[in-house]
Amino acid sequence: DRMINDNTYEIVERKTGQKNLLTRQ
């Protein structure tokens, strides 16, 4: 719900654990 309000999606790479917040596009 919080990310929807910010128009972001969290993507995490399993191998490295690197997290990024990205727009849908």
PDB file of all heavy atoms in Angstrom:
ATOM      1  N   ASP A   1       0.836  -1.213   0.000  1.00  0.00           N
ATOM      2  CA  ASP A   1       0.000   0.000   0.000  1.00  0.00           C
ATOM      3  C   ASP A   1       0.869   1.262   0.000  1.00  0.00           C
ATOM      4  O   ASP A   1       0.607   2.214  -0.727  1.00  0.00           O
ATOM      5  CB  ASP A   1      -0.940   0.003   1.208  1.00  0.00           C
ATOM      6  CG  ASP A   1      -2.002  -1.085   1.122  1.00  0.00           C
ATOM      7  OD1 ASP A   1      -2.349  -1.470  -0.014  1.00  0.00           O
ATOM      8  OD2 ASP A   1      -2.460  -1.560   2.177  1.00  0.00           O
ATOM      9  N   ARG A   2       1.946   1.265   0.822  1.00  0.00           N
ATOM     10  CA  ARG A   2       2.831   2.429   0.903  1.00  0.00           C
ATOM     11  C   ARG A   2       3.505   2.691  -0.445  1.00  0.00           C
ATOM     12  O   ARG A   2       3.570   3.821  -0.909  1.00  0.00           O
ATOM     13  CB  ARG A   2       3.884   2.214   1.985  1.00  0.00           C
ATOM     14  CG  ARG A   2       4.875   3.368   2.109  1.00  0.00           C
ATOM     15  CD  ARG A   2       6.003   3.089   3.102  1.00  0.00           C
ATOM     16  NE  ARG A   2       6.727   1.860   2.855  1.00  0.00           N
ATOM     17  CZ  ARG A   2       7.697   1.707   1.935  1.00  0.00           C
ATOM     18  NH1 ARG A   2       8.027   2.715   1.159  1.00  0.00           N
ATOM     19  NH2 ARG A   2       8.316   0.554   1.804  1.00  0.00           N
ATOM     20  N   MET A   3       3.985   1.636  -1.080  1.00  0.00           N
ATOM     21  CA  MET A   3       4.660   1.810  -2.368  1.00  0.00           C
ATOM     22  C   MET A   3       3.686   2.255  -3.454  1.00  0.00           C
ATOM     23  O   MET A   3       4.063   3.029  -4.339  1.00  0.00           O
ATOM     24  CB  MET A   3       5.371   0.523  -2.772  1.00  0.00           C
ATOM     25  CG  MET A   3       6.620   0.268  -1.971  1.00  0.00           C
ATOM     26  SD  MET A   3       7.444  -1.208  -2.540  1.00  0.00           S
ATOM     27  CE  MET A   3       7.469  -2.150  -1.050  1.00  0.00           C
ATOM     28  N   ILE A   4       2.453   1.794  -3.383  1.00  0.00           N
ATOM     29  CA  ILE A   4       1.451   2.216  -4.365  1.00  0.00           C
ATOM     30  C   ILE A   4       1.248   3.727  -4.260  1.00  0.00           C
ATOM     31  O   ILE A   4       1.185   4.430  -5.267  1.00  0.00           O
ATOM     32  CB  ILE A   4       0.119   1.456  -4.165  1.00  0.00           C
ATOM     33  CG1 ILE A   4       0.298  -0.016  -4.545  1.00  0.00           C
ATOM     34  CG2 ILE A   4      -0.999   2.084  -4.993  1.00  0.00           C
ATOM     35  CD1 ILE A   4      -0.858  -0.904  -4.150  1.00  0.00           C
ATOM     36  N   ASN A   5       1.187   4.232  -3.015  1.00  0.00           N
ATOM     37  CA  ASN A   5       1.037   5.677  -2.798  1.00  0.00           C
ATOM     38  C   ASN A   5       2.223   6.462  -3.372  1.00  0.00           C
ATOM     39  O   ASN A   5       2.069   7.600  -3.805  1.00  0.00           O
ATOM     40  CB  ASN A   5       0.865   5.996  -1.313  1.00  0.00           C
ATOM     41  CG  ASN A   5      -0.470   5.505  -0.785  1.00  0.00           C
ATOM     42  OD1 ASN A   5      -1.426   5.343  -1.540  1.00  0.00           O
ATOM     43  ND2 ASN A   5      -0.531   5.252   0.505  1.00  0.00           N
ATOM     44  N   ASP A   6       3.415   5.838  -3.355  1.00  0.00           N
ATOM     45  CA  ASP A   6       4.627   6.493  -3.881  1.00  0.00           C
ATOM     46  C   ASP A   6       4.863   6.167  -5.355  1.00  0.00           C
ATOM     47  O   ASP A   6       5.865   6.608  -5.931  1.00  0.00           O
ATOM     48  CB  ASP A   6       5.859   6.044  -3.083  1.00  0.00           C
ATOM     49  CG  ASP A   6       5.820   6.507  -1.635  1.00  0.00           C
ATOM     50  OD1 ASP A   6       5.088   7.471  -1.331  1.00  0.00           O
ATOM     51  OD2 ASP A   6       6.527   5.894  -0.815  1.00  0.00           O
ATOM     52  N   ASN A   7       3.974   5.367  -5.954  1.00  0.00           N
ATOM     53  CA  ASN A   7       4.132   4.921  -7.347  1.00  0.00           C
ATOM     54  C   ASN A   7       5.466   4.204  -7.585  1.00  0.00           C
ATOM     55  O   ASN A   7       6.134   4.428  -8.585  1.00  0.00           O
ATOM     56  CB  ASN A   7       3.985   6.091  -8.332  1.00  0.00           C
ATOM     57  CG  ASN A   7       2.578   6.628  -8.351  1.00  0.00           C
ATOM     58  OD1 ASN A   7       1.623   5.854  -8.371  1.00  0.00           O
ATOM     59  ND2 ASN A   7       2.448   7.942  -8.320  1.00  0.00           N
ATOM     60  N   THR A   8       5.854   3.356  -6.626  1.00  0.00           N
ATOM     61  CA  THR A   8       7.100   2.610  -6.757  1.00  0.00           C
ATOM     62  C   THR A   8       6.882   1.124  -6.486  1.00  0.00           C
ATOM     63  O   THR A   8       5.879   0.720  -5.882  1.00  0.00           O
ATOM     64  CB  THR A   8       8.178   3.128  -5.782  1.00  0.00           C
ATOM     65  OG1 THR A   8       7.706   2.999  -4.441  1.00  0.00           O
ATOM     66  CG2 THR A   8       8.572   4.560  -6.089  1.00  0.00           C
ATOM     67  N   TYR A   9       7.845   0.347  -6.945  1.00  0.00           N
ATOM     68  CA  TYR A   9       7.884  -1.095  -6.723  1.00  0.00           C
ATOM     69  C   TYR A   9       9.274  -1.421  -6.212  1.00  0.00           C
ATOM     70  O   TYR A   9      10.263  -0.903  -6.726  1.00  0.00           O
ATOM     71  CB  TYR A   9       7.650  -1.858  -8.027  1.00  0.00           C
ATOM     72  CG  TYR A   9       6.310  -1.572  -8.655  1.00  0.00           C
ATOM     73  CD1 TYR A   9       6.094  -0.418  -9.404  1.00  0.00           C
ATOM     74  CD2 TYR A   9       5.263  -2.462  -8.486  1.00  0.00           C
ATOM     75  CE1 TYR A   9       4.865  -0.159  -9.973  1.00  0.00           C
ATOM     76  CE2 TYR A   9       4.021  -2.208  -9.059  1.00  0.00           C
ATOM     77  CZ  TYR A   9       3.831  -1.052  -9.792  1.00  0.00           C
ATOM     78  OH  TYR A   9       2.612  -0.791 -10.353  1.00  0.00           O
ATOM     79  N   GLU A  10       9.352  -2.285  -5.221  1.00  0.00           N
ATOM     80  CA  GLU A  10      10.661  -2.704  -4.730  1.00  0.00           C
ATOM     81  C   GLU A  10      11.086  -3.955  -5.478  1.00  0.00           C
ATOM     82  O   GLU A  10      10.326  -4.916  -5.565  1.00  0.00           O
ATOM     83  CB  GLU A  10      10.613  -2.998  -3.230  1.00  0.00           C
ATOM     84  CG  GLU A  10      11.962  -3.433  -2.679  1.00  0.00           C
ATOM     85  CD  GLU A  10      11.893  -3.851  -1.235  1.00  0.00           C
ATOM     86  OE1 GLU A  10      11.323  -4.938  -0.963  1.00  0.00           O
ATOM     87  OE2 GLU A  10      12.411  -3.103  -0.386  1.00  0.00           O
ATOM     88  N   ILE A  11      12.303  -3.932  -6.008  1.00  0.00           N
ATOM     89  CA  ILE A  11      12.873  -5.114  -6.642  1.00  0.00           C
ATOM     90  C   ILE A  11      14.154  -5.457  -5.892  1.00  0.00           C
ATOM     91  O   ILE A  11      14.972  -4.579  -5.601  1.00  0.00           O
ATOM     92  CB  ILE A  11      13.124  -4.919  -8.155  1.00  0.00           C
ATOM     93  CG1 ILE A  11      13.654  -6.220  -8.771  1.00  0.00           C
ATOM     94  CG2 ILE A  11      14.045  -3.747  -8.426  1.00  0.00           C
ATOM     95  CD1 ILE A  11      13.656  -6.243 -10.294  1.00  0.00           C
ATOM     96  N   VAL A  12      14.288  -6.733  -5.537  1.00  0.00           N
ATOM     97  CA  VAL A  12      15.453  -7.211  -4.804  1.00  0.00           C
ATOM     98  C   VAL A  12      16.078  -8.342  -5.617  1.00  0.00           C
ATOM     99  O   VAL A  12      15.388  -9.288  -6.008  1.00  0.00           O
ATOM    100  CB  VAL A  12      15.073  -7.740  -3.399  1.00  0.00           C
ATOM    101  CG1 VAL A  12      16.292  -8.271  -2.669  1.00  0.00           C
ATOM    102  CG2 VAL A  12      14.368  -6.665  -2.595  1.00  0.00           C
ATOM    103  N   GLU A  13      17.378  -8.226  -5.859  1.00  0.00           N
ATOM    104  CA  GLU A  13      18.101  -9.297  -6.552  1.00  0.00           C
ATOM    105  C   GLU A  13      18.493 -10.342  -5.514  1.00  0.00           C
ATOM    106  O   GLU A  13      19.166 -10.030  -4.530  1.00  0.00           O
ATOM    107  CB  GLU A  13      19.339  -8.731  -7.245  1.00  0.00           C
ATOM    108  CG  GLU A  13      20.020  -9.749  -8.125  1.00  0.00           C
ATOM    109  CD  GLU A  13      21.196  -9.166  -8.883  1.00  0.00           C
ATOM    110  OE1 GLU A  13      21.288  -7.932  -9.034  1.00  0.00           O
ATOM    111  OE2 GLU A  13      22.036  -9.963  -9.324  1.00  0.00           O
ATOM    112  N   ARG A  14      18.051 -11.568  -5.713  1.00  0.00           N
ATOM    113  CA  ARG A  14      18.279 -12.629  -4.728  1.00  0.00           C
ATOM    114  C   ARG A  14      19.762 -12.882  -4.477  1.00  0.00           C
ATOM    115  O   ARG A  14      20.196 -13.046  -3.347  1.00  0.00           O
ATOM    116  CB  ARG A  14      17.587 -13.930  -5.199  1.00  0.00           C
ATOM    117  CG  ARG A  14      17.942 -15.166  -4.405  1.00  0.00           C
ATOM    118  CD  ARG A  14      17.540 -15.035  -2.939  1.00  0.00           C
ATOM    119  NE  ARG A  14      17.846 -16.216  -2.187  1.00  0.00           N
ATOM    120  CZ  ARG A  14      19.015 -16.435  -1.569  1.00  0.00           C
ATOM    121  NH1 ARG A  14      19.986 -15.549  -1.625  1.00  0.00           N
ATOM    122  NH2 ARG A  14      19.206 -17.537  -0.885  1.00  0.00           N
ATOM    123  N   LYS A  15      20.550 -12.909  -5.533  1.00  0.00           N
ATOM    124  CA  LYS A  15      21.960 -13.265  -5.411  1.00  0.00           C
ATOM    125  C   LYS A  15      22.737 -12.242  -4.581  1.00  0.00           C
ATOM    126  O   LYS A  15      23.573 -12.613  -3.772  1.00  0.00           O
ATOM    127  CB  LYS A  15      22.581 -13.399  -6.803  1.00  0.00           C
ATOM    128  CG  LYS A  15      23.971 -13.963  -6.814  1.00  0.00           C
ATOM    129  CD  LYS A  15      24.553 -14.287  -8.180  1.00  0.00           C
ATOM    130  CE  LYS A  15      23.925 -13.632  -9.341  1.00  0.00           C
ATOM    131  NZ  LYS A  15      24.588 -13.866 -10.618  1.00  0.00           N
ATOM    132  N   THR A  16      22.477 -10.966  -4.780  1.00  0.00           N
ATOM    133  CA  THR A  16      23.258  -9.921  -4.119  1.00  0.00           C
ATOM    134  C   THR A  16      22.515  -9.242  -2.967  1.00  0.00           C
ATOM    135  O   THR A  16      23.138  -8.592  -2.138  1.00  0.00           O
ATOM    136  CB  THR A  16      23.651  -8.822  -5.122  1.00  0.00           C
ATOM    137  OG1 THR A  16      22.457  -8.173  -5.587  1.00  0.00           O
ATOM    138  CG2 THR A  16      24.432  -9.391  -6.288  1.00  0.00           C
ATOM    139  N   GLY A  17      21.187  -9.354  -2.950  1.00  0.00           N
ATOM    140  CA  GLY A  17      20.397  -8.659  -1.941  1.00  0.00           C
ATOM    141  C   GLY A  17      20.190  -7.183  -2.259  1.00  0.00           C
ATOM    142  O   GLY A  17      19.592  -6.455  -1.473  1.00  0.00           O
ATOM    143  N   GLN A  18      20.672  -6.735  -3.414  1.00  0.00           N
ATOM    144  CA  GLN A  18      20.546  -5.326  -3.801  1.00  0.00           C
ATOM    145  C   GLN A  18      19.071  -4.965  -3.988  1.00  0.00           C
ATOM    146  O   GLN A  18      18.345  -5.642  -4.703  1.00  0.00           O
ATOM    147  CB  GLN A  18      21.317  -5.053  -5.080  1.00  0.00           C
ATOM    148  CG  GLN A  18      21.259  -3.610  -5.513  1.00  0.00           C
ATOM    149  CD  GLN A  18      22.060  -3.360  -6.787  1.00  0.00           C
ATOM    150  OE1 GLN A  18      22.726  -4.228  -7.301  1.00  0.00           O
ATOM    151  NE2 GLN A  18      21.954  -2.150  -7.293  1.00  0.00           N
ATOM    152  N   LYS A  19      18.650  -3.862  -3.338  1.00  0.00           N
ATOM    153  CA  LYS A  19      17.265  -3.392  -3.409  1.00  0.00           C
ATOM    154  C   LYS A  19      17.201  -2.085  -4.176  1.00  0.00           C
ATOM    155  O   LYS A  19      18.064  -1.228  -4.025  1.00  0.00           O
ATOM    156  CB  LYS A  19      16.702  -3.141  -2.004  1.00  0.00           C
ATOM    157  CG  LYS A  19      16.585  -4.354  -1.151  1.00  0.00           C
ATOM    158  CD  LYS A  19      16.037  -3.996   0.215  1.00  0.00           C
ATOM    159  CE  LYS A  19      16.010  -5.247   1.090  1.00  0.00           C
ATOM    160  NZ  LYS A  19      15.451  -4.967   2.419  1.00  0.00           N
ATOM    161  N   ASN A  20      16.149  -1.950  -4.975  1.00  0.00           N
ATOM    162  CA  ASN A  20      15.893  -0.698  -5.687  1.00  0.00           C
ATOM    163  C   ASN A  20      14.405  -0.416  -5.678  1.00  0.00           C
ATOM    164  O   ASN A  20      13.602  -1.346  -5.760  1.00  0.00           O
ATOM    165  CB  ASN A  20      16.365  -0.788  -7.143  1.00  0.00           C
ATOM    166  CG  ASN A  20      17.873  -0.778  -7.256  1.00  0.00           C
ATOM    167  OD1 ASN A  20      18.520   0.148  -6.806  1.00  0.00           O
ATOM    168  ND2 ASN A  20      18.425  -1.828  -7.843  1.00  0.00           N
ATOM    169  N   LEU A  21      14.061   0.859  -5.586  1.00  0.00           N
ATOM    170  CA  LEU A  21      12.680   1.288  -5.753  1.00  0.00           C
ATOM    171  C   LEU A  21      12.567   1.882  -7.156  1.00  0.00           C
ATOM    172  O   LEU A  21      13.294   2.811  -7.497  1.00  0.00           O
ATOM    173  CB  LEU A  21      12.295   2.334  -4.707  1.00  0.00           C
ATOM    174  CG  LEU A  21      12.174   1.816  -3.275  1.00  0.00           C
ATOM    175  CD1 LEU A  21      11.902   2.969  -2.316  1.00  0.00           C
ATOM    176  CD2 LEU A  21      11.087   0.765  -3.168  1.00  0.00           C
ATOM    177  N   LEU A  22      11.668   1.324  -7.952  1.00  0.00           N
ATOM    178  CA  LEU A  22      11.522   1.732  -9.340  1.00  0.00           C
ATOM    179  C   LEU A  22      10.079   2.082  -9.652  1.00  0.00           C
ATOM    180  O   LEU A  22       9.161   1.549  -9.019  1.00  0.00           O
ATOM    181  CB  LEU A  22      11.972   0.603 -10.277  1.00  0.00           C
ATOM    182  CG  LEU A  22      13.385   0.048 -10.100  1.00  0.00           C
ATOM    183  CD1 LEU A  22      13.590  -1.153 -11.023  1.00  0.00           C
ATOM    184  CD2 LEU A  22      14.418   1.111 -10.362  1.00  0.00           C
ATOM    185  N   THR A  23       9.896   2.918 -10.640  1.00  0.00           N
ATOM    186  CA  THR A  23       8.546   3.149 -11.151  1.00  0.00           C
ATOM    187  C   THR A  23       8.128   1.897 -11.921  1.00  0.00           C
ATOM    188  O   THR A  23       8.959   1.038 -12.241  1.00  0.00           O
ATOM    189  CB  THR A  23       8.511   4.359 -12.102  1.00  0.00           C
ATOM    190  OG1 THR A  23       9.277   4.044 -13.269  1.00  0.00           O
ATOM    191  CG2 THR A  23       9.025   5.614 -11.424  1.00  0.00           C
ATOM    192  N   ARG A  24       6.881   1.827 -12.265  1.00  0.00           N
ATOM    193  CA  ARG A  24       6.395   0.666 -13.019  1.00  0.00           C
ATOM    194  C   ARG A  24       7.129   0.528 -14.356  1.00  0.00           C
ATOM    195  O   ARG A  24       7.546  -0.559 -14.727  1.00  0.00           O
ATOM    196  CB  ARG A  24       4.887   0.762 -13.238  1.00  0.00           C
ATOM    197  CG  ARG A  24       4.287  -0.487 -13.866  1.00  0.00           C
ATOM    198  CD  ARG A  24       2.779  -0.317 -14.060  1.00  0.00           C
ATOM    199  NE  ARG A  24       2.160  -1.543 -14.486  1.00  0.00           N
ATOM    200  CZ  ARG A  24       1.436  -2.342 -13.717  1.00  0.00           C
ATOM    201  NH1 ARG A  24       1.263  -2.047 -12.447  1.00  0.00           N
ATOM    202  NH2 ARG A  24       0.899  -3.436 -14.206  1.00  0.00           N
ATOM    203  N   GLN A  25       7.307   1.636 -15.064  1.00  0.00           N
ATOM    204  CA  GLN A  25       7.979   1.580 -16.364  1.00  0.00           C
ATOM    205  C   GLN A  25       9.447   1.189 -16.209  1.00  0.00           C
ATOM    206  O   GLN A  25       9.956   0.394 -16.984  1.00  0.00           O
ATOM    207  CB  GLN A  25       7.854   2.915 -17.110  1.00  0.00           C
ATOM    208  CG  GLN A  25       8.294   2.822 -18.563  1.00  0.00           C
ATOM    209  CD  GLN A  25       7.514   1.750 -19.332  1.00  0.00           C
ATOM    210  OE1 GLN A  25       6.293   1.742 -19.362  1.00  0.00           O
ATOM    211  NE2 GLN A  25       8.244   0.824 -19.958  1.00  0.00           N
TER     212      GLN A  25
END
